[in-house]
Amino acid sequence: MKKLQKNEGFTLIELLIVVAIIGIIAAIAVPGLLRARQSGNEASAIGSVRAVNSGETAFASSCGGGGFAQSNADLAKAPAGGAPFISPDLEKADVAATAKSGYTIDVNDNADAGNRDVLASANTCNVAAAASRAMYHVRADPVSRGQTGTRSFGSDHRGTIYFDNTAAIANPIPAALATFIQ
């Protein structure tokens, strides 16, 4: 009697074809996923700039005597018995700027020649590190341009959010900069 031999399973060629198909599908999908991540990071950066603008408005009206805070840390410092003006994810007291979702969010003094002190730091309701001033500047730059995001965003005391596809938003924001979001 002759025994029948069963050959079950896949051949090496069949397995290589499946691996090649998976590789092709991955090569098509990965760039789309990276673009989606960049878009998400950019949306987060815009939201962060809006949050800083809102925090600056609240600071000016309730704490700074009509003047604006000059750093992330000053906005994150809560007044006695109150809440901070920005969320903790936008504050980092040990460095000038805060990295969030692939973007560096930086609140600083506006370099406009007309900027001036409004209220001494000791007189602000949260005893800020710097005096409140008539203007501020905030910008959001990709940590790694082209990978974490492609556009830079910026705003100031006017509240308009500007963007640039190639470089950081200048301080002060040039009057001729016409690429704005809101």
C-alpha atoms as a PDB file:
ATOM      1  CA  MET A   1       0.000   0.000   0.000  1.00  0.00           C
ATOM      2  CA  LYS A   2       1.140   3.411  -0.952  1.00  0.00           C
ATOM      3  CA  LYS A   3       0.734   6.283   1.490  1.00  0.00           C
ATOM      4  CA  LEU A   4      -0.581   9.568   0.180  1.00  0.00           C
ATOM      5  CA  GLN A   5       1.500  12.572   1.185  1.00  0.00           C
ATOM      6  CA  LYS A   6      -0.373  15.785   1.975  1.00  0.00           C
ATOM      7  CA  ASN A   7       1.286  19.094   1.111  1.00  0.00           C
ATOM      8  CA  GLU A   8      -0.540  21.791   3.052  1.00  0.00           C
ATOM      9  CA  GLY A   9       0.593  25.376   3.573  1.00  0.00           C
ATOM     10  CA  PHE A  10       1.982  28.148   1.448  1.00  0.00           C
ATOM     11  CA  THR A  11       4.944  28.133  -0.852  1.00  0.00           C
ATOM     12  CA  LEU A  12       7.755  30.616  -0.462  1.00  0.00           C
ATOM     13  CA  ILE A  13       6.691  32.411  -3.640  1.00  0.00           C
ATOM     14  CA  GLU A  14       3.144  32.885  -2.329  1.00  0.00           C
ATOM     15  CA  LEU A  15       4.448  34.313   0.945  1.00  0.00           C
ATOM     16  CA  LEU A  16       6.782  36.714  -0.899  1.00  0.00           C
ATOM     17  CA  ILE A  17       3.905  37.955  -3.052  1.00  0.00           C
ATOM     18  CA  VAL A  18       1.780  38.665   0.041  1.00  0.00           C
ATOM     19  CA  VAL A  19       4.675  40.501   1.735  1.00  0.00           C
ATOM     20  CA  ALA A  20       5.250  42.573  -1.425  1.00  0.00           C
ATOM     21  CA  ILE A  21       1.554  43.532  -1.578  1.00  0.00           C
ATOM     22  CA  ILE A  22       1.593  44.574   2.088  1.00  0.00           C
ATOM     23  CA  GLY A  23       4.726  46.664   1.428  1.00  0.00           C
ATOM     24  CA  ILE A  24       3.088  48.435  -1.518  1.00  0.00           C
ATOM     25  CA  ILE A  25      -0.034  49.209   0.512  1.00  0.00           C
ATOM     26  CA  ALA A  26       2.100  50.554   3.386  1.00  0.00           C
ATOM     27  CA  ALA A  27       4.131  52.731   0.986  1.00  0.00           C
ATOM     28  CA  ILE A  28       0.908  54.262  -0.276  1.00  0.00           C
ATOM     29  CA  ALA A  29      -0.654  54.773   3.181  1.00  0.00           C
ATOM     30  CA  VAL A  30       2.288  56.171   5.199  1.00  0.00           C
ATOM     31  CA  PRO A  31       2.598  59.572   3.426  1.00  0.00           C
ATOM     32  CA  GLY A  32      -1.135  60.133   3.871  1.00  0.00           C
ATOM     33  CA  LEU A  33      -0.863  59.353   7.567  1.00  0.00           C
ATOM     34  CA  LEU A  34       2.060  61.769   7.938  1.00  0.00           C
ATOM     35  CA  ARG A  35       0.079  64.534   6.198  1.00  0.00           C
ATOM     36  CA  ALA A  36      -2.872  63.846   8.480  1.00  0.00           C
ATOM     37  CA  ARG A  37      -0.607  64.109  11.536  1.00  0.00           C
ATOM     38  CA  GLN A  38       0.822  67.418  10.270  1.00  0.00           C
ATOM     39  CA  SER A  39      -2.697  68.756   9.719  1.00  0.00           C
ATOM     40  CA  GLY A  40      -3.629  67.739  13.255  1.00  0.00           C
ATOM     41  CA  ASN A  41      -0.519  69.431  14.644  1.00  0.00           C
ATOM     42  CA  GLU A  42      -1.315  72.612  12.704  1.00  0.00           C
ATOM     43  CA  ALA A  43      -4.904  72.621  13.992  1.00  0.00           C
ATOM     44  CA  SER A  44      -3.560  72.223  17.531  1.00  0.00           C
ATOM     45  CA  ALA A  45      -1.114  75.110  16.988  1.00  0.00           C
ATOM     46  CA  ILE A  46      -3.911  77.379  15.746  1.00  0.00           C
ATOM     47  CA  GLY A  47      -5.980  76.401  18.776  1.00  0.00           C
ATOM     48  CA  SER A  48      -3.049  77.174  21.064  1.00  0.00           C
ATOM     49  CA  VAL A  49      -2.583  80.637  19.518  1.00  0.00           C
ATOM     50  CA  ARG A  50      -6.321  81.283  19.961  1.00  0.00           C
ATOM     51  CA  ALA A  51      -6.101  80.141  23.587  1.00  0.00           C
ATOM     52  CA  VAL A  52      -3.191  82.525  24.204  1.00  0.00           C
ATOM     53  CA  ASN A  53      -5.149  85.382  22.585  1.00  0.00           C
ATOM     54  CA  SER A  54      -8.114  84.631  24.877  1.00  0.00           C
ATOM     55  CA  GLY A  55      -5.825  84.367  27.905  1.00  0.00           C
ATOM     56  CA  GLU A  56      -4.164  87.673  27.043  1.00  0.00           C
ATOM     57  CA  THR A  57      -7.556  89.372  26.749  1.00  0.00           C
ATOM     58  CA  ALA A  58      -8.616  88.012  30.135  1.00  0.00           C
ATOM     59  CA  PHE A  59      -5.270  89.020  31.679  1.00  0.00           C
ATOM     60  CA  ALA A  60      -5.520  92.565  30.278  1.00  0.00           C
ATOM     61  CA  SER A  61      -9.084  93.094  31.451  1.00  0.00           C
ATOM     62  CA  SER A  62      -8.782  91.599  34.932  1.00  0.00           C
ATOM     63  CA  CYS A  63      -5.156  91.562  35.969  1.00  0.00           C
ATOM     64  CA  GLY A  64      -2.840  93.681  33.857  1.00  0.00           C
ATOM     65  CA  GLY A  65      -4.540  97.078  34.049  1.00  0.00           C
ATOM     66  CA  GLY A  66      -5.241  96.957  30.312  1.00  0.00           C
ATOM     67  CA  GLY A  67      -1.772  95.607  29.493  1.00  0.00           C
ATOM     68  CA  PHE A  68      -0.771  92.156  28.288  1.00  0.00           C
ATOM     69  CA  ALA A  69       1.433  89.438  29.815  1.00  0.00           C
ATOM     70  CA  GLN A  70       4.842  88.948  28.205  1.00  0.00           C
ATOM     71  CA  SER A  71       5.460  85.216  28.657  1.00  0.00           C
ATOM     72  CA  ASN A  72       3.819  81.809  28.817  1.00  0.00           C
ATOM     73  CA  ALA A  73       4.749  81.635  32.519  1.00  0.00           C
ATOM     74  CA  ASP A  74       3.063  84.962  33.364  1.00  0.00           C
ATOM     75  CA  LEU A  75      -0.159  83.824  31.688  1.00  0.00           C
ATOM     76  CA  ALA A  76      -0.038  80.480  33.500  1.00  0.00           C
ATOM     77  CA  LYS A  77       0.414  82.112  36.905  1.00  0.00           C
ATOM     78  CA  ALA A  78      -2.950  82.214  38.671  1.00  0.00           C
ATOM     79  CA  PRO A  79      -4.073  85.296  40.592  1.00  0.00           C
ATOM     80  CA  ALA A  80      -4.971  84.834  44.263  1.00  0.00           C
ATOM     81  CA  GLY A  81      -8.180  82.827  44.425  1.00  0.00           C
ATOM     82  CA  GLY A  82      -8.463  82.540  40.635  1.00  0.00           C
ATOM     83  CA  ALA A  83      -7.577  80.300  37.733  1.00  0.00           C
ATOM     84  CA  PRO A  84      -4.589  80.649  35.374  1.00  0.00           C
ATOM     85  CA  PHE A  85      -5.157  82.525  32.115  1.00  0.00           C
ATOM     86  CA  ILE A  86      -3.907  79.625  29.955  1.00  0.00           C
ATOM     87  CA  SER A  87      -3.960  75.863  30.420  1.00  0.00           C
ATOM     88  CA  PRO A  88      -0.939  74.088  31.951  1.00  0.00           C
ATOM     89  CA  ASP A  89      -0.007  72.453  28.621  1.00  0.00           C
ATOM     90  CA  LEU A  90       0.864  75.909  27.253  1.00  0.00           C
ATOM     91  CA  GLU A  91       3.047  76.876  30.204  1.00  0.00           C
ATOM     92  CA  LYS A  92       6.586  75.916  30.910  1.00  0.00           C
ATOM     93  CA  ALA A  93       8.279  78.190  33.410  1.00  0.00           C
ATOM     94  CA  ASP A  94      11.832  76.884  32.944  1.00  0.00           C
ATOM     95  CA  VAL A  95      12.107  77.741  29.218  1.00  0.00           C
ATOM     96  CA  ALA A  96      10.928  80.611  27.054  1.00  0.00           C
ATOM     97  CA  ALA A  97       8.623  78.514  24.885  1.00  0.00           C
ATOM     98  CA  THR A  98       6.471  75.439  25.242  1.00  0.00           C
ATOM     99  CA  ALA A  99       6.418  72.501  22.801  1.00  0.00           C
ATOM    100  CA  LYS A 100       2.965  71.055  22.193  1.00  0.00           C
ATOM    101  CA  SER A 101       1.810  68.705  19.422  1.00  0.00           C
ATOM    102  CA  GLY A 102       4.912  69.247  17.304  1.00  0.00           C
ATOM    103  CA  TYR A 103       4.854  73.047  17.633  1.00  0.00           C
ATOM    104  CA  THR A 104       6.707  75.484  19.869  1.00  0.00           C
ATOM    105  CA  ILE A 105       4.317  78.025  21.381  1.00  0.00           C
ATOM    106  CA  ASP A 106       6.122  81.198  22.464  1.00  0.00           C
ATOM    107  CA  VAL A 107       4.585  84.293  24.097  1.00  0.00           C
ATOM    108  CA  ASN A 108       6.936  87.253  24.294  1.00  0.00           C
ATOM    109  CA  ASP A 109       7.331  91.005  24.278  1.00  0.00           C
ATOM    110  CA  ASN A 110       6.241  92.695  21.049  1.00  0.00           C
ATOM    111  CA  ALA A 111       9.212  94.418  19.403  1.00  0.00           C
ATOM    112  CA  ASP A 112       7.031  97.215  17.997  1.00  0.00           C
ATOM    113  CA  ALA A 113       8.556 100.636  18.716  1.00  0.00           C
ATOM    114  CA  GLY A 114       5.227 101.853  20.127  1.00  0.00           C
ATOM    115  CA  ASN A 115       5.072  99.160  22.803  1.00  0.00           C
ATOM    116  CA  ARG A 116       5.207 100.485  26.361  1.00  0.00           C
ATOM    117  CA  ASP A 117       4.748  99.390  29.962  1.00  0.00           C
ATOM    118  CA  VAL A 118       1.189  99.679  31.263  1.00  0.00           C
ATOM    119  CA  LEU A 119       1.414  98.268  34.793  1.00  0.00           C
ATOM    120  CA  ALA A 120       4.439  97.324  36.897  1.00  0.00           C
ATOM    121  CA  SER A 121       4.819  93.586  37.474  1.00  0.00           C
ATOM    122  CA  ALA A 122       4.365  93.947  41.236  1.00  0.00           C
ATOM    123  CA  ASN A 123       0.981  95.614  40.653  1.00  0.00           C
ATOM    124  CA  THR A 124      -0.510  92.876  38.459  1.00  0.00           C
ATOM    125  CA  CYS A 125      -3.006  90.618  40.227  1.00  0.00           C
ATOM    126  CA  ASN A 126      -0.757  87.575  39.831  1.00  0.00           C
ATOM    127  CA  VAL A 127       2.539  89.407  40.499  1.00  0.00           C
ATOM    128  CA  ALA A 128       3.866  88.586  37.021  1.00  0.00           C
ATOM    129  CA  ALA A 129       7.597  88.364  36.338  1.00  0.00           C
ATOM    130  CA  ALA A 130       7.396  91.232  33.823  1.00  0.00           C
ATOM    131  CA  ALA A 131       5.350  94.412  33.603  1.00  0.00           C
ATOM    132  CA  SER A 132       2.134  94.255  31.604  1.00  0.00           C
ATOM    133  CA  ARG A 133       2.659  95.979  28.296  1.00  0.00           C
ATOM    134  CA  ALA A 134       0.502  97.566  25.594  1.00  0.00           C
ATOM    135  CA  MET A 135       1.341  94.787  23.087  1.00  0.00           C
ATOM    136  CA  TYR A 136       2.393  91.146  23.013  1.00  0.00           C
ATOM    137  CA  HIS A 137       3.534  88.663  20.366  1.00  0.00           C
ATOM    138  CA  VAL A 138       2.782  84.934  20.196  1.00  0.00           C
ATOM    139  CA  ARG A 139       3.992  82.497  17.615  1.00  0.00           C
ATOM    140  CA  ALA A 140       3.755  78.797  16.939  1.00  0.00           C
ATOM    141  CA  ASP A 141       6.573  77.241  14.931  1.00  0.00           C
ATOM    142  CA  PRO A 142       6.984  73.595  13.890  1.00  0.00           C
ATOM    143  CA  VAL A 143       9.573  71.770  15.992  1.00  0.00           C
ATOM    144  CA  SER A 144      10.785  70.201  12.734  1.00  0.00           C
ATOM    145  CA  ARG A 145       9.508  72.035   9.638  1.00  0.00           C
ATOM    146  CA  GLY A 146       8.202  69.573   7.065  1.00  0.00           C
ATOM    147  CA  GLN A 147       7.779  66.773   9.600  1.00  0.00           C
ATOM    148  CA  THR A 148       5.709  68.057  12.531  1.00  0.00           C
ATOM    149  CA  GLY A 149       4.145  70.869  10.483  1.00  0.00           C
ATOM    150  CA  THR A 150       4.751  73.083   7.476  1.00  0.00           C
ATOM    151  CA  ARG A 151       3.244  76.440   8.460  1.00  0.00           C
ATOM    152  CA  SER A 152       4.185  78.882  11.206  1.00  0.00           C
ATOM    153  CA  PHE A 153       1.475  80.867  12.985  1.00  0.00           C
ATOM    154  CA  GLY A 154       1.551  84.145  14.857  1.00  0.00           C
ATOM    155  CA  SER A 155      -0.674  86.738  16.476  1.00  0.00           C
ATOM    156  CA  ASP A 156      -0.468  89.865  18.569  1.00  0.00           C
ATOM    157  CA  HIS A 157      -2.661  92.315  20.498  1.00  0.00           C
ATOM    158  CA  ARG A 158      -4.899  92.749  17.412  1.00  0.00           C
ATOM    159  CA  GLY A 159      -6.063  89.118  17.679  1.00  0.00           C
ATOM    160  CA  THR A 160      -5.625  88.194  14.015  1.00  0.00           C
ATOM    161  CA  ILE A 161      -3.815  84.890  13.431  1.00  0.00           C
ATOM    162  CA  TYR A 162      -1.319  85.004  10.561  1.00  0.00           C
ATOM    163  CA  PHE A 163       0.569  82.155   8.912  1.00  0.00           C
ATOM    164  CA  ASP A 164       3.673  81.703   6.790  1.00  0.00           C
ATOM    165  CA  ASN A 165       4.575  78.571   4.815  1.00  0.00           C
ATOM    166  CA  THR A 166       8.343  79.065   4.877  1.00  0.00           C
ATOM    167  CA  ALA A 167       9.492  80.943   7.979  1.00  0.00           C
ATOM    168  CA  ALA A 168       8.564  81.992  11.513  1.00  0.00           C
ATOM    169  CA  ILE A 169       6.222  84.960  11.889  1.00  0.00           C
ATOM    170  CA  ALA A 170       8.306  88.091  12.459  1.00  0.00           C
ATOM    171  CA  ASN A 171       8.119  90.143  15.641  1.00  0.00           C
ATOM    172  CA  PRO A 172       6.467  92.597  15.234  1.00  0.00           C
ATOM    173  CA  ILE A 173       4.117  91.185  12.615  1.00  0.00           C
ATOM    174  CA  PRO A 174       4.584  93.216   9.412  1.00  0.00           C
ATOM    175  CA  ALA A 175       1.570  95.300   8.417  1.00  0.00           C
ATOM    176  CA  ALA A 176       1.868  93.962   4.854  1.00  0.00           C
ATOM    177  CA  LEU A 177       1.516  90.303   5.919  1.00  0.00           C
ATOM    178  CA  ALA A 178      -1.740  89.369   4.201  1.00  0.00           C
ATOM    179  CA  THR A 179      -1.915  85.632   4.885  1.00  0.00           C
ATOM    180  CA  PHE A 180      -4.233  85.338   7.842  1.00  0.00           C
ATOM    181  CA  ILE A 181      -6.605  82.726   9.201  1.00  0.00           C
ATOM    182  CA  GLN A 182      -9.090  84.897  11.059  1.00  0.00           C
END
